[in-house]
Amino acid sequence: MSSESFSKVINLDLKNFTMTPATRKREVRLSELKDYFSDPAAANKILSSGRDPVVYEYYEYVVDESAGHLSLGLTIIYPGKVGKEYFMTRGHFHLKPAAEFYYGIRGRGMLLIQSEDGRAEYVELRPGVIGYVPPGWGHRTINTGRGKFVFFFAYPSDAGHDYGIVKEKGFAKIVIEEKGKPKVVDNPKYVSSTI
């Protein structure tokens, strides 16, 4: 065992939705995500109006990216839509098969998960609900509410992330608003094939 100390206290501020310390903190704006939405023209319309809203932000704490460690984080997805599609994270698959979990803290949203062969399922997240992502499944989170959607997550630090495959092929399902309610529908941009 290393003589380096890994004992850390991580504080979650559930009033202001921050996490300290954080080794990574980032705001992700619509301009970075426009190609992940099913209707990039609707994204471009928002951007051409001079707005580039923050879609989500996250805090992450990574002690060490070697096997056996956990990465912890807090994500805040803001309310909004691109066309009929709710604001969401870009989503990813892990480079190594790894499980992950999400714990709802505030607001309402969905955890959309997808197997490598395109089977998609979802969990509705709200405060106190845990969503589980099995090893090998891709995942993204979506804010289906009117306020901030906030959740805590944890995954093995050595799992890695593949965002490119999601940008290239998409997820089989998307979440849109229909008659004022969220609805999971087929993604017209999805490229079906084994990922």
C-alpha atoms as a PDB file:
ATOM      1  CA  MET A   1       0.000   0.000   0.000  1.00  0.00           C
ATOM      2  CA  SER A   2       1.227   3.479  -0.870  1.00  0.00           C
ATOM      3  CA  SER A   3       2.263   5.827   1.914  1.00  0.00           C
ATOM      4  CA  GLU A   4       0.203   8.556   0.203  1.00  0.00           C
ATOM      5  CA  SER A   5      -2.996   9.385   2.081  1.00  0.00           C
ATOM      6  CA  PHE A   6      -6.255   8.979   0.171  1.00  0.00           C
ATOM      7  CA  SER A   7      -8.487   9.892   3.088  1.00  0.00           C
ATOM      8  CA  LYS A   8     -10.657  12.753   1.844  1.00  0.00           C
ATOM      9  CA  VAL A   9     -13.759  14.555   3.021  1.00  0.00           C
ATOM     10  CA  ILE A  10     -16.018  15.527   0.147  1.00  0.00           C
ATOM     11  CA  ASN A  11     -18.767  18.028   0.884  1.00  0.00           C
ATOM     12  CA  LEU A  12     -22.055  18.091  -1.014  1.00  0.00           C
ATOM     13  CA  ASP A  13     -23.823  21.430  -0.632  1.00  0.00           C
ATOM     14  CA  LEU A  14     -27.449  20.479  -1.287  1.00  0.00           C
ATOM     15  CA  LYS A  15     -28.633  24.095  -1.051  1.00  0.00           C
ATOM     16  CA  ASN A  16     -26.321  25.528  -3.720  1.00  0.00           C
ATOM     17  CA  PHE A  17     -25.666  22.220  -5.539  1.00  0.00           C
ATOM     18  CA  THR A  18     -21.894  22.222  -5.388  1.00  0.00           C
ATOM     19  CA  MET A  19     -19.309  19.631  -4.423  1.00  0.00           C
ATOM     20  CA  THR A  20     -15.968  20.453  -2.806  1.00  0.00           C
ATOM     21  CA  PRO A  21     -13.301  19.601  -3.402  1.00  0.00           C
ATOM     22  CA  ALA A  22     -13.739  18.833  -7.100  1.00  0.00           C
ATOM     23  CA  THR A  23     -10.907  17.812  -9.372  1.00  0.00           C
ATOM     24  CA  ARG A  24     -13.059  18.725 -12.396  1.00  0.00           C
ATOM     25  CA  LYS A  25     -15.808  21.311 -12.774  1.00  0.00           C
ATOM     26  CA  ARG A  26     -17.341  22.133 -16.097  1.00  0.00           C
ATOM     27  CA  GLU A  27     -20.249  23.930 -17.744  1.00  0.00           C
ATOM     28  CA  VAL A  28     -21.466  22.399 -21.000  1.00  0.00           C
ATOM     29  CA  ARG A  29     -23.239  24.774 -23.375  1.00  0.00           C
ATOM     30  CA  LEU A  30     -25.638  24.117 -26.223  1.00  0.00           C
ATOM     31  CA  SER A  31     -22.979  24.959 -28.832  1.00  0.00           C
ATOM     32  CA  GLU A  32     -21.032  21.868 -27.687  1.00  0.00           C
ATOM     33  CA  LEU A  33     -24.116  19.623 -27.718  1.00  0.00           C
ATOM     34  CA  LYS A  34     -26.053  20.679 -30.813  1.00  0.00           C
ATOM     35  CA  ASP A  35     -25.063  17.582 -32.797  1.00  0.00           C
ATOM     36  CA  TYR A  36     -26.248  15.277 -30.009  1.00  0.00           C
ATOM     37  CA  PHE A  37     -29.850  16.476 -30.319  1.00  0.00           C
ATOM     38  CA  SER A  38     -32.175  14.908 -32.883  1.00  0.00           C
ATOM     39  CA  ASP A  39     -32.983  18.345 -34.379  1.00  0.00           C
ATOM     40  CA  PRO A  40     -29.734  20.284 -34.916  1.00  0.00           C
ATOM     41  CA  ALA A  41     -31.690  22.929 -36.884  1.00  0.00           C
ATOM     42  CA  ALA A  42     -33.644  23.757 -33.721  1.00  0.00           C
ATOM     43  CA  ALA A  43     -30.338  24.030 -31.827  1.00  0.00           C
ATOM     44  CA  ASN A  44     -28.919  26.310 -34.528  1.00  0.00           C
ATOM     45  CA  LYS A  45     -32.031  28.512 -34.298  1.00  0.00           C
ATOM     46  CA  ILE A  46     -31.392  29.036 -30.568  1.00  0.00           C
ATOM     47  CA  LEU A  47     -27.709  29.700 -31.174  1.00  0.00           C
ATOM     48  CA  SER A  48     -28.365  32.112 -34.069  1.00  0.00           C
ATOM     49  CA  SER A  49     -30.520  34.209 -31.722  1.00  0.00           C
ATOM     50  CA  GLY A  50     -27.315  35.004 -29.824  1.00  0.00           C
ATOM     51  CA  ARG A  51     -28.053  32.653 -26.921  1.00  0.00           C
ATOM     52  CA  ASP A  52     -25.782  29.769 -25.924  1.00  0.00           C
ATOM     53  CA  PRO A  53     -27.378  28.443 -22.742  1.00  0.00           C
ATOM     54  CA  VAL A  54     -25.653  26.216 -20.222  1.00  0.00           C
ATOM     55  CA  VAL A  55     -27.398  22.862 -20.651  1.00  0.00           C
ATOM     56  CA  TYR A  56     -25.642  21.164 -17.753  1.00  0.00           C
ATOM     57  CA  GLU A  57     -22.719  21.445 -15.381  1.00  0.00           C
ATOM     58  CA  TYR A  58     -20.913  18.958 -13.248  1.00  0.00           C
ATOM     59  CA  TYR A  59     -18.481  18.588 -10.394  1.00  0.00           C
ATOM     60  CA  GLU A  60     -16.322  15.491 -10.256  1.00  0.00           C
ATOM     61  CA  TYR A  61     -13.849  14.172  -7.740  1.00  0.00           C
ATOM     62  CA  VAL A  62     -11.281  11.662  -8.979  1.00  0.00           C
ATOM     63  CA  VAL A  63      -8.671  10.463  -6.481  1.00  0.00           C
ATOM     64  CA  ASP A  64      -6.825   8.173  -8.865  1.00  0.00           C
ATOM     65  CA  GLU A  65      -7.775   6.740 -12.269  1.00  0.00           C
ATOM     66  CA  SER A  66      -6.328   3.306 -11.534  1.00  0.00           C
ATOM     67  CA  ALA A  67      -8.340   0.145 -10.886  1.00  0.00           C
ATOM     68  CA  GLY A  68     -10.135  -0.077  -7.571  1.00  0.00           C
ATOM     69  CA  HIS A  69     -10.892   3.616  -7.101  1.00  0.00           C
ATOM     70  CA  LEU A  70     -14.229   5.393  -7.528  1.00  0.00           C
ATOM     71  CA  SER A  71     -14.959   8.697  -9.211  1.00  0.00           C
ATOM     72  CA  LEU A  72     -17.771  10.698  -7.614  1.00  0.00           C
ATOM     73  CA  GLY A  73     -19.733  13.597  -8.975  1.00  0.00           C
ATOM     74  CA  LEU A  74     -22.694  15.923  -8.955  1.00  0.00           C
ATOM     75  CA  THR A  75     -24.523  16.969 -12.134  1.00  0.00           C
ATOM     76  CA  ILE A  76     -27.039  19.770 -12.612  1.00  0.00           C
ATOM     77  CA  ILE A  77     -29.093  19.725 -15.833  1.00  0.00           C
ATOM     78  CA  TYR A  78     -30.997  22.952 -16.461  1.00  0.00           C
ATOM     79  CA  PRO A  79     -34.592  23.004 -17.711  1.00  0.00           C
ATOM     80  CA  GLY A  80     -35.085  23.604 -21.400  1.00  0.00           C
ATOM     81  CA  LYS A  81     -35.689  22.005 -24.770  1.00  0.00           C
ATOM     82  CA  VAL A  82     -34.201  21.913 -28.249  1.00  0.00           C
ATOM     83  CA  GLY A  83     -37.279  21.641 -30.426  1.00  0.00           C
ATOM     84  CA  LYS A  84     -39.377  19.095 -28.536  1.00  0.00           C
ATOM     85  CA  GLU A  85     -36.373  17.293 -27.025  1.00  0.00           C
ATOM     86  CA  TYR A  86     -35.500  17.992 -23.398  1.00  0.00           C
ATOM     87  CA  PHE A  87     -32.077  19.239 -22.295  1.00  0.00           C
ATOM     88  CA  MET A  88     -29.757  16.302 -21.608  1.00  0.00           C
ATOM     89  CA  THR A  89     -26.169  15.256 -21.090  1.00  0.00           C
ATOM     90  CA  ARG A  90     -24.244  14.094 -24.158  1.00  0.00           C
ATOM     91  CA  GLY A  91     -24.155  10.514 -22.853  1.00  0.00           C
ATOM     92  CA  HIS A  92     -21.408   7.935 -23.168  1.00  0.00           C
ATOM     93  CA  PHE A  93     -20.329   4.332 -23.067  1.00  0.00           C
ATOM     94  CA  HIS A  94     -17.436   3.337 -20.823  1.00  0.00           C
ATOM     95  CA  LEU A  95     -14.254   2.143 -22.523  1.00  0.00           C
ATOM     96  CA  LYS A  96     -14.098  -0.753 -20.030  1.00  0.00           C
ATOM     97  CA  PRO A  97     -17.336  -2.500 -18.975  1.00  0.00           C
ATOM     98  CA  ALA A  98     -18.247  -0.785 -15.704  1.00  0.00           C
ATOM     99  CA  ALA A  99     -21.375  -0.198 -13.670  1.00  0.00           C
ATOM    100  CA  GLU A 100     -22.443   3.282 -12.579  1.00  0.00           C
ATOM    101  CA  PHE A 101     -25.237   4.640 -10.420  1.00  0.00           C
ATOM    102  CA  TYR A 102     -27.183   7.873 -10.251  1.00  0.00           C
ATOM    103  CA  TYR A 103     -28.977   9.127  -7.139  1.00  0.00           C
ATOM    104  CA  GLY A 104     -31.699  11.737  -7.648  1.00  0.00           C
ATOM    105  CA  ILE A 105     -31.411  14.796  -5.388  1.00  0.00           C
ATOM    106  CA  ARG A 106     -33.682  17.462  -6.882  1.00  0.00           C
ATOM    107  CA  GLY A 107     -36.119  17.762  -9.763  1.00  0.00           C
ATOM    108  CA  ARG A 108     -37.301  15.154 -12.211  1.00  0.00           C
ATOM    109  CA  GLY A 109     -35.530  13.439 -15.022  1.00  0.00           C
ATOM    110  CA  MET A 110     -34.717  10.213 -16.741  1.00  0.00           C
ATOM    111  CA  LEU A 111     -31.720   7.960 -16.943  1.00  0.00           C
ATOM    112  CA  LEU A 112     -31.713   6.473 -20.440  1.00  0.00           C
ATOM    113  CA  ILE A 113     -29.555   3.354 -20.810  1.00  0.00           C
ATOM    114  CA  GLN A 114     -28.706   1.374 -23.915  1.00  0.00           C
ATOM    115  CA  SER A 115     -26.997  -1.958 -24.551  1.00  0.00           C
ATOM    116  CA  GLU A 116     -24.355  -2.266 -27.242  1.00  0.00           C
ATOM    117  CA  ASP A 117     -26.890  -3.947 -29.543  1.00  0.00           C
ATOM    118  CA  GLY A 118     -29.348  -1.034 -29.245  1.00  0.00           C
ATOM    119  CA  ARG A 119     -31.805  -2.201 -26.573  1.00  0.00           C
ATOM    120  CA  ALA A 120     -32.899   0.866 -24.632  1.00  0.00           C
ATOM    121  CA  GLU A 121     -34.503   1.198 -21.211  1.00  0.00           C
ATOM    122  CA  TYR A 122     -35.089   4.103 -18.883  1.00  0.00           C
ATOM    123  CA  VAL A 123     -35.530   4.904 -15.216  1.00  0.00           C
ATOM    124  CA  GLU A 124     -37.460   7.930 -14.025  1.00  0.00           C
ATOM    125  CA  LEU A 125     -35.292   9.721 -11.468  1.00  0.00           C
ATOM    126  CA  ARG A 126     -36.556  11.976  -8.694  1.00  0.00           C
ATOM    127  CA  PRO A 127     -35.240  12.739  -5.209  1.00  0.00           C
ATOM    128  CA  GLY A 128     -34.336   9.534  -3.373  1.00  0.00           C
ATOM    129  CA  VAL A 129     -34.399   7.266  -6.454  1.00  0.00           C
ATOM    130  CA  ILE A 130     -31.280   5.396  -7.590  1.00  0.00           C
ATOM    131  CA  GLY A 131     -30.790   4.490 -11.254  1.00  0.00           C
ATOM    132  CA  TYR A 132     -28.350   1.664 -11.996  1.00  0.00           C
ATOM    133  CA  VAL A 133     -26.340   1.348 -15.215  1.00  0.00           C
ATOM    134  CA  PRO A 134     -25.129  -2.214 -15.859  1.00  0.00           C
ATOM    135  CA  PRO A 135     -21.588  -2.834 -17.182  1.00  0.00           C
ATOM    136  CA  GLY A 136     -21.355  -2.322 -20.947  1.00  0.00           C
ATOM    137  CA  TRP A 137     -24.454  -0.134 -21.233  1.00  0.00           C
ATOM    138  CA  GLY A 138     -24.317   3.441 -22.514  1.00  0.00           C
ATOM    139  CA  HIS A 139     -26.213   6.109 -20.637  1.00  0.00           C
ATOM    140  CA  ARG A 140     -27.377   9.701 -20.612  1.00  0.00           C
ATOM    141  CA  THR A 141     -29.568  11.768 -18.314  1.00  0.00           C
ATOM    142  CA  ILE A 142     -32.426  14.051 -19.306  1.00  0.00           C
ATOM    143  CA  ASN A 143     -34.170  16.851 -17.393  1.00  0.00           C
ATOM    144  CA  THR A 144     -37.929  16.341 -17.846  1.00  0.00           C
ATOM    145  CA  GLY A 145     -38.969  18.882 -15.218  1.00  0.00           C
ATOM    146  CA  ARG A 146     -39.443  22.631 -15.001  1.00  0.00           C
ATOM    147  CA  GLY A 147     -36.547  23.287 -12.600  1.00  0.00           C
ATOM    148  CA  LYS A 148     -32.995  22.060 -12.152  1.00  0.00           C
ATOM    149  CA  PHE A 149     -32.476  18.286 -12.227  1.00  0.00           C
ATOM    150  CA  VAL A 150     -29.675  17.391  -9.798  1.00  0.00           C
ATOM    151  CA  PHE A 151     -28.146  13.985  -9.141  1.00  0.00           C
ATOM    152  CA  PHE A 152     -25.096  12.334  -7.597  1.00  0.00           C
ATOM    153  CA  PHE A 153     -23.133   9.669  -9.488  1.00  0.00           C
ATOM    154  CA  ALA A 154     -20.305   7.191  -8.918  1.00  0.00           C
ATOM    155  CA  TYR A 155     -18.376   4.867 -11.233  1.00  0.00           C
ATOM    156  CA  PRO A 156     -15.016   2.996 -11.308  1.00  0.00           C
ATOM    157  CA  SER A 157     -12.264   5.529 -11.991  1.00  0.00           C
ATOM    158  CA  ASP A 158     -10.531   3.390 -14.612  1.00  0.00           C
ATOM    159  CA  ALA A 159     -13.672   2.936 -16.765  1.00  0.00           C
ATOM    160  CA  GLY A 160     -12.888   5.687 -19.286  1.00  0.00           C
ATOM    161  CA  HIS A 161     -15.498   7.374 -21.509  1.00  0.00           C
ATOM    162  CA  ASP A 162     -16.469   7.099 -25.170  1.00  0.00           C
ATOM    163  CA  TYR A 163     -18.523  10.141 -26.178  1.00  0.00           C
ATOM    164  CA  GLY A 164     -17.670   9.872 -29.870  1.00  0.00           C
ATOM    165  CA  ILE A 165     -19.739   6.751 -30.512  1.00  0.00           C
ATOM    166  CA  VAL A 166     -22.804   8.526 -29.114  1.00  0.00           C
ATOM    167  CA  LYS A 167     -22.180  11.598 -31.285  1.00  0.00           C
ATOM    168  CA  GLU A 168     -21.705   9.392 -34.346  1.00  0.00           C
ATOM    169  CA  LYS A 169     -24.586   6.923 -33.872  1.00  0.00           C
ATOM    170  CA  GLY A 170     -26.839   8.460 -31.220  1.00  0.00           C
ATOM    171  CA  PHE A 171     -29.030   6.576 -28.789  1.00  0.00           C
ATOM    172  CA  ALA A 172     -31.943   4.482 -30.070  1.00  0.00           C
ATOM    173  CA  LYS A 173     -34.417   6.531 -28.029  1.00  0.00           C
ATOM    174  CA  ILE A 174     -34.861  10.210 -27.208  1.00  0.00           C
ATOM    175  CA  VAL A 175     -37.117  11.970 -24.713  1.00  0.00           C
ATOM    176  CA  ILE A 176     -39.461  14.640 -26.047  1.00  0.00           C
ATOM    177  CA  GLU A 177     -42.297  16.693 -24.633  1.00  0.00           C
ATOM    178  CA  GLU A 178     -45.710  15.766 -25.988  1.00  0.00           C
ATOM    179  CA  LYS A 179     -48.912  17.341 -24.634  1.00  0.00           C
ATOM    180  CA  GLY A 180     -46.910  18.767 -21.728  1.00  0.00           C
ATOM    181  CA  LYS A 181     -45.476  15.412 -20.652  1.00  0.00           C
ATOM    182  CA  PRO A 182     -42.255  13.495 -21.328  1.00  0.00           C
ATOM    183  CA  LYS A 183     -42.449  10.721 -23.891  1.00  0.00           C
ATOM    184  CA  VAL A 184     -39.733   8.237 -24.893  1.00  0.00           C
ATOM    185  CA  VAL A 185     -39.705   7.803 -28.684  1.00  0.00           C
ATOM    186  CA  ASP A 186     -37.473   6.351 -31.398  1.00  0.00           C
ATOM    187  CA  ASN A 187     -34.551   8.574 -32.383  1.00  0.00           C
ATOM    188  CA  PRO A 188     -34.862   9.392 -36.100  1.00  0.00           C
ATOM    189  CA  LYS A 189     -31.070   9.949 -36.286  1.00  0.00           C
ATOM    190  CA  TYR A 190     -30.089   6.650 -34.659  1.00  0.00           C
ATOM    191  CA  VAL A 191     -27.676   4.519 -36.695  1.00  0.00           C
ATOM    192  CA  SER A 192     -28.647   0.957 -35.830  1.00  0.00           C
ATOM    193  CA  SER A 193     -25.768  -1.459 -35.681  1.00  0.00           C
ATOM    194  CA  THR A 194     -23.746  -3.056 -32.955  1.00  0.00           C
ATOM    195  CA  ILE A 195     -21.722  -0.338 -31.249  1.00  0.00           C
END
